[in-house]
Amino acid sequence: MTFFKSPFGSALLGGVIVAAFGWVAIAAGWIQADDGGSTVTVSRPLAAPVAAQGEEDTNLVNQIYRRDGQGVAFISAQIGGGGEPQGLGPFGEPEGGGTATGSGFLIDTEGHIVTNNHVVEEADKVEVKLGSSDTTYDAEVVGTDPATDVALLKVDAPTDSLHPLAFGDSSQVEVGESVVAIGNPFGLDRTVTAGIVSAIQRQIQAPNGFSISHVIQTDAAINPGNSGGPLIDSAGRVIGINSQIQTGGGSGGNVGIGFAVPINTAREVVEQLERSGEVKHAYLGINGGSLTPDLAKALKLPVDEGVLVNEVVKGGPADEAGVKGGDTSATIEGANLRLGGDVITEVDGKGIGGMEEIINAVNSASPGDEMELTVDRDGEKKTITVTLGVRPDSAEEVPSR
């Protein structure tokens, strides 16, 4: 009998590892594995979208590449003084010194470049080349956000070298759409690959241990070095930031499963980074898992879907509002649970089927927002209003009882 339905991810790179998880902590609406297991506005001058494909357009990928390629950046980040790295860390970054390479793209005519946090994290020096030019520019790290794996850089380059890319709307992306990725896989600069949107509304693990929602899955070839580069739709607009790949069989290369942070998420993050140099995310502070009909039957619960609260984070928003965690330990299908806690069945009056929906709701909110939770407690329906807090910098900083 299968009790649990849960998101599942595995293995590696594009630069980041995706950890497997079943029962998880929903601590800012972001996922934390129980085992411990990134103001610029589009009103600025941006590149115009590529015209829609017509009968005479025999090579749309080439058109997008010629139009958008000059706005893609080759990024080199020196860590620990440079030299030969002693190995690679869990996010593809060199350990013990070395140079990490990745991709990015221009978003305005002031020299702002978006890339992944893990490309430039802890870098002592960041250098950038733009498009097909061999000119190297020193880049300033304006700010980073490990929670979404997004970083904002700025270069002082001549205006005629700045070719910003237009933003699309990632909320309108549909499965099966054609997409193009431009980047620098394995240091091979100005590489273009093409594919389709394989799935939407995925969740992946961020470098700080929480989760990123609304992620786009693609089969366009993405490899280490593509990190931070644009995923582009058929109109030449950026819909995501290529960030991770899932691999199989011990391979470190592309197997047709890549993930891109949605551009709508990145847009909000970039605006905050330029405004203040930091980003604050909403925080709920519970540990729990999706309730299935089989699990509900086994536990003799009066509801058969929702989120079973395993534990509330001590002193967190849910704890302060009176959400109740479990008080009885049990092991079901190898998972250690604490039973007897609330079952969350609705968020702001809308029924939920599992933890992904709570995660998405919290990720879409801001610190200080109120969230109304409808819970079943010992067969009695209760409504609890939680004022969301500010999420800790990393999952490791989440306290427990």
Protein backbone atom coordinates (compact mmCIF):
# COMPACT_ATOMS: atom_id res chain seq x y z
CA MET A 1 0.00 0.00 0.00
CA THR A 2 1.36 3.41 -0.91
CA PHE A 3 0.60 6.04 1.72
CA PHE A 4 2.52 9.01 0.38
CA LYS A 5 2.40 11.16 -2.70
CA SER A 6 5.39 13.45 -2.78
CA PRO A 7 7.56 15.51 -5.09
CA PHE A 8 10.72 13.65 -6.05
CA GLY A 9 13.93 14.86 -7.59
CA SER A 10 17.38 13.41 -8.03
CA ALA A 11 20.90 14.27 -9.10
CA LEU A 12 22.71 16.91 -10.57
CA LEU A 13 24.06 19.89 -12.26
CA GLY A 14 23.50 22.57 -14.84
CA GLY A 15 25.01 23.47 -11.75
CA VAL A 16 22.90 22.17 -8.83
CA ILE A 17 21.96 18.96 -7.04
CA VAL A 18 18.26 18.21 -6.58
CA ALA A 19 17.71 16.15 -3.42
CA ALA A 20 15.08 13.44 -3.06
CA PHE A 21 12.38 14.16 -0.51
CA GLY A 22 9.04 12.92 0.71
CA TRP A 23 8.17 14.43 4.09
CA VAL A 24 9.44 17.96 4.04
CA ALA A 25 9.58 21.18 5.98
CA ILE A 26 7.48 24.00 4.58
CA ALA A 27 9.41 26.86 6.09
CA ALA A 28 8.85 30.00 3.86
CA GLY A 29 6.88 27.97 1.51
CA TRP A 30 10.17 26.43 0.51
CA ILE A 31 11.00 22.75 0.86
CA GLN A 32 13.58 21.56 3.36
CA ALA A 33 14.52 17.88 3.39
CA ASP A 34 14.15 16.27 6.80
CA ASP A 35 17.65 14.84 6.48
CA GLY A 36 19.10 18.29 5.89
CA GLY A 37 19.53 16.66 2.53
CA SER A 38 19.00 31.59 -7.09
CA THR A 39 14.75 48.54 -9.20
CA VAL A 40 15.27 46.95 -12.66
CA THR A 41 11.96 47.15 -14.50
CA VAL A 42 10.89 46.05 -17.91
CA SER A 43 9.98 49.65 -18.71
CA ARG A 44 13.65 50.21 -19.46
CA PRO A 45 14.78 49.81 -23.09
CA LEU A 46 14.63 46.11 -23.88
CA ALA A 47 15.15 44.15 -27.04
CA ALA A 48 12.01 43.75 -29.12
CA PRO A 49 10.62 40.22 -29.45
CA VAL A 50 11.38 38.20 -32.55
CA ALA A 51 8.50 38.21 -35.04
CA ALA A 52 6.26 35.16 -35.06
CA GLN A 53 7.28 32.37 -37.39
CA GLY A 54 5.88 32.66 -40.93
CA GLU A 55 5.95 30.41 -43.95
CA GLU A 56 9.26 31.86 -45.10
CA ASP A 57 10.87 31.43 -41.67
CA THR A 58 12.76 28.19 -42.25
CA ASN A 59 15.07 28.42 -39.25
CA LEU A 60 13.49 30.06 -36.22
CA VAL A 61 16.29 28.90 -33.92
CA ASN A 62 18.83 30.71 -36.09
CA GLN A 63 16.71 33.86 -36.03
CA ILE A 64 16.48 33.78 -32.24
CA TYR A 65 20.20 33.08 -31.93
CA ARG A 66 21.13 35.98 -34.22
CA ARG A 67 18.72 38.30 -32.42
CA ASP A 68 19.34 37.32 -28.78
CA GLY A 69 22.85 35.86 -28.84
CA GLN A 70 24.52 39.24 -28.41
CA GLY A 71 22.67 39.71 -25.13
CA VAL A 72 24.00 36.51 -23.56
CA ALA A 73 27.01 36.76 -21.25
CA PHE A 74 29.94 34.42 -20.60
CA ILE A 75 30.70 34.65 -16.87
CA SER A 76 33.94 33.68 -15.10
CA ALA A 77 33.99 33.78 -11.31
CA GLN A 78 37.30 33.45 -9.48
CA ILE A 79 36.97 31.81 -6.09
CA GLY A 80 39.68 31.64 -3.47
CA GLY A 81 42.27 33.51 -5.51
CA GLY A 82 41.95 31.37 -8.65
CA GLY A 83 44.31 28.55 -9.48
CA GLU A 84 43.39 24.92 -9.97
CA PRO A 85 40.31 23.76 -8.03
CA GLN A 86 40.70 20.81 -5.68
CA GLY A 87 37.27 19.52 -6.67
CA LEU A 88 33.70 20.57 -7.25
CA GLY A 89 31.22 21.33 -4.50
CA PRO A 90 27.57 20.21 -4.50
CA PHE A 91 26.48 23.08 -6.73
CA GLY A 92 29.23 22.80 -9.32
CA GLU A 93 31.37 25.48 -7.69
CA PRO A 94 35.14 24.88 -7.41
CA GLU A 95 36.39 23.98 -3.94
CA GLY A 96 39.73 25.14 -2.61
CA GLY A 97 39.99 27.90 -5.21
CA GLY A 98 39.41 27.94 -8.92
CA THR A 99 37.31 29.55 -11.60
CA ALA A 100 33.64 28.78 -12.09
CA THR A 101 32.14 29.51 -15.48
CA GLY A 102 28.52 30.09 -16.31
CA SER A 103 26.12 32.14 -18.34
CA GLY A 104 23.90 35.18 -17.93
CA PHE A 105 21.94 37.70 -19.96
CA LEU A 106 21.53 41.47 -20.19
CA ILE A 107 18.20 42.90 -19.03
CA ASP A 108 18.64 46.63 -19.70
CA THR A 109 20.89 49.22 -21.33
CA GLU A 110 22.49 50.12 -18.00
CA GLY A 111 24.59 46.95 -17.96
CA HIS A 112 22.57 44.80 -15.54
CA ILE A 113 23.02 41.05 -16.06
CA VAL A 114 20.98 38.23 -14.51
CA THR A 115 22.61 34.88 -13.71
CA ASN A 116 22.42 32.13 -11.09
CA ASN A 117 23.51 32.74 -7.53
CA HIS A 118 25.57 29.54 -7.57
CA VAL A 119 27.63 30.83 -10.52
CA VAL A 120 29.01 33.80 -8.54
CA GLU A 121 28.55 32.73 -4.92
CA GLU A 122 31.62 33.54 -2.78
CA ALA A 123 33.49 34.80 -5.85
CA ASP A 124 36.41 37.17 -5.24
CA LYS A 125 36.26 38.49 -8.78
CA VAL A 126 33.68 38.21 -11.55
CA GLU A 127 34.45 38.86 -15.22
CA VAL A 128 32.03 38.97 -18.14
CA LYS A 129 32.18 38.76 -21.92
CA LEU A 130 29.14 39.87 -23.90
CA GLY A 131 27.83 38.13 -27.00
CA SER A 132 30.50 37.35 -29.57
CA SER A 133 32.91 39.96 -28.22
CA ASP A 134 36.21 38.90 -26.67
CA THR A 135 36.33 42.04 -24.53
CA THR A 136 36.34 41.24 -20.81
CA TYR A 137 34.58 43.47 -18.29
CA ASP A 138 34.83 43.42 -14.51
CA ALA A 139 31.37 42.83 -13.05
CA GLU A 140 29.93 44.17 -9.81
CA VAL A 141 27.72 41.77 -7.87
CA VAL A 142 24.72 43.97 -7.06
CA GLY A 143 23.04 41.28 -4.98
CA THR A 144 22.24 37.58 -4.75
CA ASP A 145 19.29 35.48 -3.62
CA PRO A 146 20.16 31.85 -2.78
CA ALA A 147 16.45 31.10 -2.20
CA THR A 148 15.69 31.48 -5.92
CA ASP A 149 19.26 30.94 -7.16
CA VAL A 150 19.23 34.37 -8.82
CA ALA A 151 22.04 36.95 -8.88
CA LEU A 152 22.22 40.44 -10.36
CA LEU A 153 25.48 41.77 -11.82
CA LYS A 154 26.39 45.09 -13.41
CA VAL A 155 29.07 45.90 -15.98
CA ASP A 156 30.33 49.24 -17.21
CA ALA A 157 30.36 48.64 -20.96
CA PRO A 158 29.76 50.89 -23.99
CA THR A 159 26.10 51.33 -24.87
CA ASP A 160 26.60 49.80 -28.31
CA SER A 161 27.76 46.58 -26.59
CA LEU A 162 24.60 46.25 -24.55
CA HIS A 163 21.84 44.22 -26.20
CA PRO A 164 19.22 43.44 -23.53
CA LEU A 165 16.76 40.60 -23.93
CA ALA A 166 13.01 41.00 -23.61
CA PHE A 167 11.07 39.30 -20.83
CA GLY A 168 8.18 36.96 -21.55
CA ASP A 169 5.46 35.89 -19.11
CA SER A 170 6.34 32.54 -17.54
CA SER A 171 2.82 32.14 -16.14
CA GLN A 172 1.55 31.76 -19.72
CA VAL A 173 4.02 29.04 -20.73
CA GLU A 174 2.41 25.81 -21.95
CA VAL A 175 3.74 22.27 -22.26
CA GLY A 176 4.92 21.53 -25.79
CA GLU A 177 6.02 25.07 -26.65
CA SER A 178 9.29 25.39 -28.55
CA VAL A 179 12.19 26.86 -26.57
CA VAL A 180 15.83 27.77 -27.15
CA ALA A 181 18.70 27.84 -24.64
CA ILE A 182 21.82 29.94 -25.23
CA GLY A 183 24.84 29.63 -22.96
CA ASN A 184 28.32 28.33 -22.36
CA PRO A 185 28.16 24.60 -21.53
CA PHE A 186 31.52 23.23 -20.39
CA GLY A 187 33.03 26.60 -21.33
CA LEU A 188 31.96 26.30 -24.98
CA ASP A 189 30.80 29.87 -25.41
CA ARG A 190 27.86 30.96 -27.57
CA THR A 191 26.26 27.50 -27.73
CA VAL A 192 22.60 27.24 -28.75
CA THR A 193 20.32 24.26 -28.14
CA ALA A 194 16.61 23.81 -28.78
CA GLY A 195 13.73 21.74 -27.48
CA ILE A 196 10.29 22.07 -25.96
CA VAL A 197 8.72 22.83 -22.60
CA SER A 198 8.43 19.33 -21.12
CA ALA A 199 6.46 20.29 -17.99
CA ILE A 200 5.52 23.26 -15.86
CA GLN A 201 4.89 23.88 -12.17
CA ARG A 202 7.87 21.80 -11.05
CA GLN A 203 9.71 22.41 -7.78
CA ILE A 204 13.48 22.22 -7.37
CA GLN A 205 15.78 22.67 -4.41
CA ALA A 206 17.62 25.97 -4.10
CA PRO A 207 21.24 26.27 -2.92
CA ASN A 208 20.08 27.27 0.57
CA GLY A 209 18.01 24.12 1.05
CA PHE A 210 14.52 25.52 0.42
CA SER A 211 12.51 25.08 -2.76
CA ILE A 212 11.79 27.10 -5.87
CA SER A 213 8.23 26.94 -7.23
CA HIS A 214 6.67 27.22 -10.71
CA VAL A 215 9.84 25.89 -12.35
CA ILE A 216 9.86 25.13 -16.09
CA GLN A 217 11.12 21.73 -17.24
CA THR A 218 12.68 21.46 -20.71
CA ASP A 219 14.39 18.88 -22.90
CA ALA A 220 16.63 21.52 -24.53
CA ALA A 221 20.19 20.35 -23.85
CA ILE A 222 21.48 22.03 -20.68
CA ASN A 223 24.86 21.17 -19.17
CA PRO A 224 27.26 22.59 -16.55
CA GLY A 225 28.10 26.09 -17.76
CA ASN A 226 24.58 26.77 -19.03
CA SER A 227 23.72 27.87 -15.50
CA GLY A 228 22.34 31.41 -15.50
CA GLY A 229 21.64 31.53 -19.22
CA PRO A 230 18.27 32.32 -20.78
CA LEU A 231 15.53 29.90 -21.78
CA ILE A 232 13.83 31.67 -24.67
CA ASP A 233 10.41 31.20 -26.25
CA SER A 234 9.60 31.22 -29.97
CA ALA A 235 9.05 35.00 -29.89
CA GLY A 236 12.59 35.58 -28.63
CA ARG A 237 11.54 36.43 -25.06
CA VAL A 238 13.18 35.07 -21.91
CA ILE A 239 10.82 32.82 -19.96
CA GLY A 240 13.32 31.29 -17.55
CA ILE A 241 16.87 31.08 -16.20
CA ASN A 242 18.50 27.71 -16.89
CA SER A 243 19.60 26.45 -13.48
CA GLN A 244 19.67 22.69 -12.99
CA ILE A 245 19.58 19.36 -14.76
CA GLN A 246 18.55 15.93 -13.59
CA THR A 247 20.87 13.11 -14.59
CA GLY A 248 20.73 9.35 -14.48
CA GLY A 249 23.10 6.41 -14.40
CA GLY A 250 25.90 8.38 -12.75
CA SER A 251 26.29 10.68 -15.74
CA GLY A 252 27.03 14.35 -15.14
CA GLY A 253 25.67 15.49 -18.48
CA ASN A 254 22.36 16.24 -20.13
CA VAL A 255 19.73 13.50 -20.37
CA GLY A 256 16.91 15.72 -21.56
CA ILE A 257 15.62 16.92 -18.20
CA GLY A 258 16.54 20.50 -17.43
CA PHE A 259 14.97 23.08 -15.12
CA ALA A 260 14.65 26.85 -15.46
CA VAL A 261 13.72 29.34 -12.74
CA PRO A 262 10.65 31.19 -14.10
CA ILE A 263 11.32 34.72 -15.32
CA ASN A 264 8.35 36.08 -13.35
CA THR A 265 10.07 34.95 -10.15
CA ALA A 266 13.40 36.38 -11.30
CA ARG A 267 11.79 39.70 -12.24
CA GLU A 268 10.51 40.24 -8.69
CA VAL A 269 13.84 39.19 -7.19
CA VAL A 270 15.85 41.49 -9.48
CA GLU A 271 13.68 44.48 -8.57
CA GLN A 272 14.36 43.87 -4.87
CA LEU A 273 18.07 43.28 -5.41
CA GLU A 274 18.55 46.56 -7.22
CA ARG A 275 16.44 48.41 -4.69
CA SER A 276 18.06 47.07 -1.51
CA GLY A 277 20.67 44.45 -2.42
CA GLU A 278 18.71 41.71 -0.65
CA VAL A 279 15.50 39.74 -0.93
CA LYS A 280 13.07 38.75 1.83
CA HIS A 281 10.76 35.76 1.42
CA ALA A 282 7.61 34.82 3.31
CA TYR A 283 7.87 32.17 6.02
CA LEU A 284 5.19 29.87 7.45
CA GLY A 285 7.25 27.51 9.59
CA ILE A 286 5.75 24.02 9.59
CA ASN A 287 7.06 20.56 8.85
CA GLY A 288 4.57 18.22 7.23
CA GLY A 289 3.54 16.13 4.28
CA SER A 290 0.72 15.49 1.85
CA LEU A 291 -2.19 13.47 3.16
CA THR A 292 -3.45 10.73 0.83
CA PRO A 293 -6.67 8.72 1.15
CA ASP A 294 -4.65 5.60 2.10
CA LEU A 295 -2.77 7.44 4.83
CA ALA A 296 -5.99 9.05 6.09
CA LYS A 297 -7.61 5.61 6.28
CA ALA A 298 -4.63 4.13 8.10
CA LEU A 299 -4.68 6.96 10.65
CA LYS A 300 -8.50 6.99 10.86
CA LEU A 301 -8.68 10.67 9.99
CA PRO A 302 -11.99 12.37 9.07
CA VAL A 303 -10.46 14.07 5.99
CA ASP A 304 -8.62 12.36 3.15
CA GLU A 305 -6.53 15.15 1.63
CA GLY A 306 -4.58 18.18 2.77
CA VAL A 307 -1.34 18.60 4.69
CA LEU A 308 -0.69 16.71 7.90
CA VAL A 309 1.36 18.96 10.20
CA ASN A 310 4.21 16.93 11.62
CA GLU A 311 5.89 19.73 13.54
CA VAL A 312 5.69 23.51 13.87
CA VAL A 313 8.91 25.52 13.99
CA LYS A 314 9.41 26.85 17.49
CA GLY A 315 8.72 30.57 17.63
CA GLY A 316 7.75 30.65 13.95
CA PRO A 317 4.64 32.28 12.49
CA ALA A 318 2.54 29.09 12.55
CA ASP A 319 3.58 28.39 16.15
CA GLU A 320 2.70 31.93 17.23
CA ALA A 321 -0.72 31.62 15.57
CA GLY A 322 -1.51 28.35 17.34
CA VAL A 323 -1.05 25.72 14.65
CA LYS A 324 -0.59 22.36 16.36
CA GLY A 325 2.08 19.81 15.48
CA GLY A 326 2.10 16.10 16.23
CA ASP A 327 2.72 14.67 19.68
CA THR A 328 2.99 10.94 18.96
CA SER A 329 5.88 9.32 17.11
CA ALA A 330 5.25 6.63 14.49
CA THR A 331 7.03 5.02 11.55
CA ILE A 332 5.07 4.45 8.35
CA GLU A 333 6.74 3.08 5.23
CA GLY A 334 10.12 3.91 6.74
CA ALA A 335 9.23 7.56 7.43
CA ASN A 336 9.42 8.85 10.99
CA LEU A 337 6.29 10.88 11.70
CA ARG A 338 4.75 12.74 14.57
CA LEU A 339 1.02 12.15 14.57
CA GLY A 340 -1.82 14.04 16.22
CA GLY A 341 -1.15 17.38 14.58
CA ASP A 342 -3.52 19.59 12.62
CA VAL A 343 -4.51 18.70 9.07
CA ILE A 344 -4.54 21.82 6.89
CA THR A 345 -7.38 21.50 4.39
CA GLU A 346 -7.76 25.06 3.06
CA VAL A 347 -5.59 28.13 2.48
CA ASP A 348 -7.45 31.44 2.29
CA GLY A 349 -10.70 29.58 1.75
CA LYS A 350 -9.40 27.41 -1.10
CA GLY A 351 -9.15 23.66 -0.66
CA ILE A 352 -5.69 22.12 -1.01
CA GLY A 353 -4.69 18.65 -2.09
CA GLY A 354 -1.17 18.61 -0.67
CA MET A 355 1.93 20.40 0.44
CA GLU A 356 2.90 21.72 -3.00
CA GLU A 357 -0.14 23.99 -2.93
CA ILE A 358 0.80 25.42 0.47
CA ILE A 359 4.36 25.94 -0.72
CA ASN A 360 3.14 27.79 -3.80
CA ALA A 361 0.78 29.93 -1.72
CA VAL A 362 3.51 30.98 0.70
CA ASN A 363 6.03 31.55 -2.09
CA SER A 364 3.55 33.90 -3.75
CA ALA A 365 3.08 35.92 -0.56
CA SER A 366 5.25 38.51 1.21
CA PRO A 367 6.46 38.80 4.82
CA GLY A 368 3.74 40.43 6.87
CA ASP A 369 0.86 39.07 4.77
CA GLU A 370 -1.91 37.27 6.61
CA MET A 371 -2.77 33.71 5.58
CA GLU A 372 -5.97 32.02 6.73
CA LEU A 373 -5.56 28.30 7.35
CA THR A 374 -8.53 25.99 7.77
CA VAL A 375 -7.50 22.95 9.79
CA ASP A 376 -9.08 19.77 11.07
CA ARG A 377 -8.10 19.18 14.69
CA ASP A 378 -9.38 16.01 16.29
CA GLY A 379 -12.40 16.03 13.99
CA GLU A 380 -13.20 19.69 14.62
CA LYS A 381 -12.84 22.38 11.95
CA LYS A 382 -10.89 25.48 12.98
CA THR A 383 -9.75 28.65 11.21
CA ILE A 384 -6.33 30.05 12.12
CA THR A 385 -4.92 33.32 10.81
CA VAL A 386 -1.14 33.34 10.45
CA THR A 387 0.94 36.47 9.88
CA LEU A 388 3.77 35.30 7.66
CA GLY A 389 7.30 36.04 8.83
CA VAL A 390 10.67 36.47 7.13
CA ARG A 391 12.23 33.19 6.03
CA PRO A 392 15.67 32.29 7.48
CA ASP A 393 18.67 32.58 5.17
CA SER A 394 19.02 28.82 4.89
CA ALA A 395 17.17 25.64 5.82
CA GLU A 396 19.92 24.82 8.31
CA GLU A 397 18.93 27.87 10.35
CA VAL A 398 15.35 26.64 10.88
CA PRO A 399 15.02 25.77 14.60
CA SER A 400 13.17 22.71 15.85
CA ARG A 401 11.51 21.86 19.12
